[in-house]
């Protein structure tokens, strides 16, 4: 008895992961790709379990950021206008930050320092 590739569980699982990734917005897909590269370079091969967790994390983020709110703030803490369809978050102190200003928030409000490896 010859089995078709399409009948293998591994094939079905792979197609399921592909479908889940394609349903995500392009910025989430890009984050997954960046994380795969980082995982592979620093920790070794990305396993199926790792990839499933990565996709689930991005799906959860999209769900959290995609809740439509009719009565949203007009601008964020940096003065940027928040328009329909924009993504933003509110920290524990009630500061509203537009997604595009998240790095500024991390540097200016929380004091995070960013570094870049050159070798």
Protein backbone atom coordinates (compact mmCIF):
# COMPACT_ATOMS: atom_id res chain seq x y z
CA UNK A 1 0.00 0.00 0.00
CA UNK A 2 1.45 3.31 -1.13
CA UNK A 3 0.72 6.34 1.03
CA UNK A 4 0.26 9.75 -0.50
CA UNK A 5 2.20 12.62 0.98
CA UNK A 6 -1.09 14.44 1.54
CA UNK A 7 -2.22 11.65 3.86
CA UNK A 8 0.73 12.07 6.26
CA UNK A 9 0.03 13.88 9.52
CA UNK A 10 3.27 15.85 9.15
CA UNK A 11 2.07 17.19 5.80
CA UNK A 12 -1.31 18.22 7.23
CA UNK A 13 0.38 19.87 10.22
CA UNK A 14 2.72 21.79 7.92
CA UNK A 15 -0.17 23.00 5.76
CA UNK A 16 -2.03 24.09 8.91
CA UNK A 17 0.99 26.15 10.04
CA UNK A 18 1.30 27.70 6.57
CA UNK A 19 -2.38 28.64 6.59
CA UNK A 20 -2.11 30.20 10.06
CA UNK A 21 0.93 32.24 9.01
CA UNK A 22 -0.77 33.46 5.81
CA UNK A 23 -3.78 34.67 7.83
CA UNK A 24 -1.55 36.99 9.87
CA UNK A 25 -0.83 40.55 8.71
CA UNK A 26 2.45 41.05 6.85
CA UNK A 27 4.15 42.77 9.82
CA UNK A 28 3.42 39.73 12.02
CA UNK A 29 4.74 37.43 9.28
CA UNK A 30 7.91 39.54 9.13
CA UNK A 31 8.33 39.26 12.93
CA UNK A 32 8.02 35.47 12.68
CA UNK A 33 10.68 35.35 9.97
CA UNK A 34 13.00 37.59 12.01
CA UNK A 35 12.47 35.38 15.06
CA UNK A 36 13.19 32.23 13.03
CA UNK A 37 16.48 33.74 11.86
CA UNK A 38 17.35 34.80 15.41
CA UNK A 39 16.39 31.39 16.84
CA UNK A 40 18.44 29.57 14.22
CA UNK A 41 21.50 31.80 14.59
CA UNK A 42 21.57 31.84 18.38
CA UNK A 43 19.94 28.61 19.55
CA UNK A 44 19.91 26.13 16.69
CA UNK A 45 17.11 24.84 14.47
CA UNK A 46 13.58 26.05 15.02
CA UNK A 47 11.44 23.04 15.95
CA UNK A 48 7.81 22.53 15.02
CA UNK A 49 6.82 23.15 18.64
CA UNK A 50 8.82 26.39 18.71
CA UNK A 51 7.19 27.54 15.46
CA UNK A 52 3.70 26.68 16.73
CA UNK A 53 4.37 28.74 19.87
CA UNK A 54 5.71 31.62 17.77
CA UNK A 55 2.63 31.63 15.53
CA UNK A 56 0.34 31.41 18.58
CA UNK A 57 2.12 34.38 20.16
CA UNK A 58 1.67 36.48 17.03
CA UNK A 59 -1.99 35.43 16.77
CA UNK A 60 -2.55 36.49 20.39
CA UNK A 61 -0.84 39.84 19.78
CA UNK A 62 -3.00 40.46 16.73
CA UNK A 63 -6.11 39.57 18.72
CA UNK A 64 -5.12 41.94 21.53
CA UNK A 65 -4.25 44.79 19.16
CA UNK A 66 -7.16 44.19 16.81
CA UNK A 67 -10.03 44.81 19.20
CA UNK A 68 -12.07 47.51 17.49
CA UNK A 69 -12.82 50.42 19.80
CA UNK A 70 -15.20 53.16 18.72
CA UNK A 71 -14.27 55.68 21.41
CA UNK A 72 -10.49 55.66 21.03
CA UNK A 73 -8.08 58.39 22.16
CA UNK A 74 -7.41 61.23 19.72
CA UNK A 75 -3.63 61.23 20.19
CA UNK A 76 -0.93 59.35 22.04
CA UNK A 77 1.49 60.54 24.71
CA UNK A 78 3.89 61.78 21.98
CA UNK A 79 1.20 63.86 20.26
CA UNK A 80 0.71 61.53 17.27
CA UNK A 81 -2.85 61.41 15.99
CA UNK A 82 -4.62 58.06 16.41
CA UNK A 83 -6.75 57.33 13.37
CA UNK A 84 -9.22 54.60 12.56
CA UNK A 85 -7.36 51.31 12.10
CA UNK A 86 -4.26 52.37 14.07
CA UNK A 87 -2.90 50.06 16.76
CA UNK A 88 -2.02 51.45 20.18
CA UNK A 89 -1.52 50.32 23.76
CA UNK A 90 -2.07 51.78 27.18
CA UNK A 91 0.47 51.21 29.94
CA UNK A 92 -0.27 50.77 33.64
CA UNK A 93 -0.02 54.52 34.23
CA UNK A 94 -2.68 55.24 31.61
CA UNK A 95 -0.27 56.53 28.93
CA UNK A 96 -1.56 55.82 25.41
CA UNK A 97 1.17 54.94 22.87
CA UNK A 98 0.70 54.47 19.14
CA UNK A 99 2.35 51.30 17.79
CA UNK A 100 4.73 53.38 15.64
CA UNK A 101 5.94 55.16 18.81
CA UNK A 102 6.58 52.00 20.86
CA UNK A 103 10.38 52.30 20.50
CA UNK A 104 10.29 55.97 21.60
CA UNK A 105 8.17 54.93 24.59
CA UNK A 106 10.65 52.23 25.56
CA UNK A 107 13.59 54.64 25.37
CA UNK A 108 12.05 57.80 26.82
CA UNK A 109 9.62 56.45 29.39
CA UNK A 110 11.08 53.15 30.54
CA UNK A 111 14.76 53.92 29.92
CA UNK A 112 15.45 50.90 27.72
CA UNK A 113 18.74 50.98 25.83
CA UNK A 114 18.97 49.40 22.37
CA UNK A 115 22.16 47.82 21.10
CA UNK A 116 23.27 46.46 17.73
CA UNK A 117 25.78 43.64 17.34
CA UNK A 118 28.36 44.35 14.65
CA UNK A 119 30.38 41.14 14.72
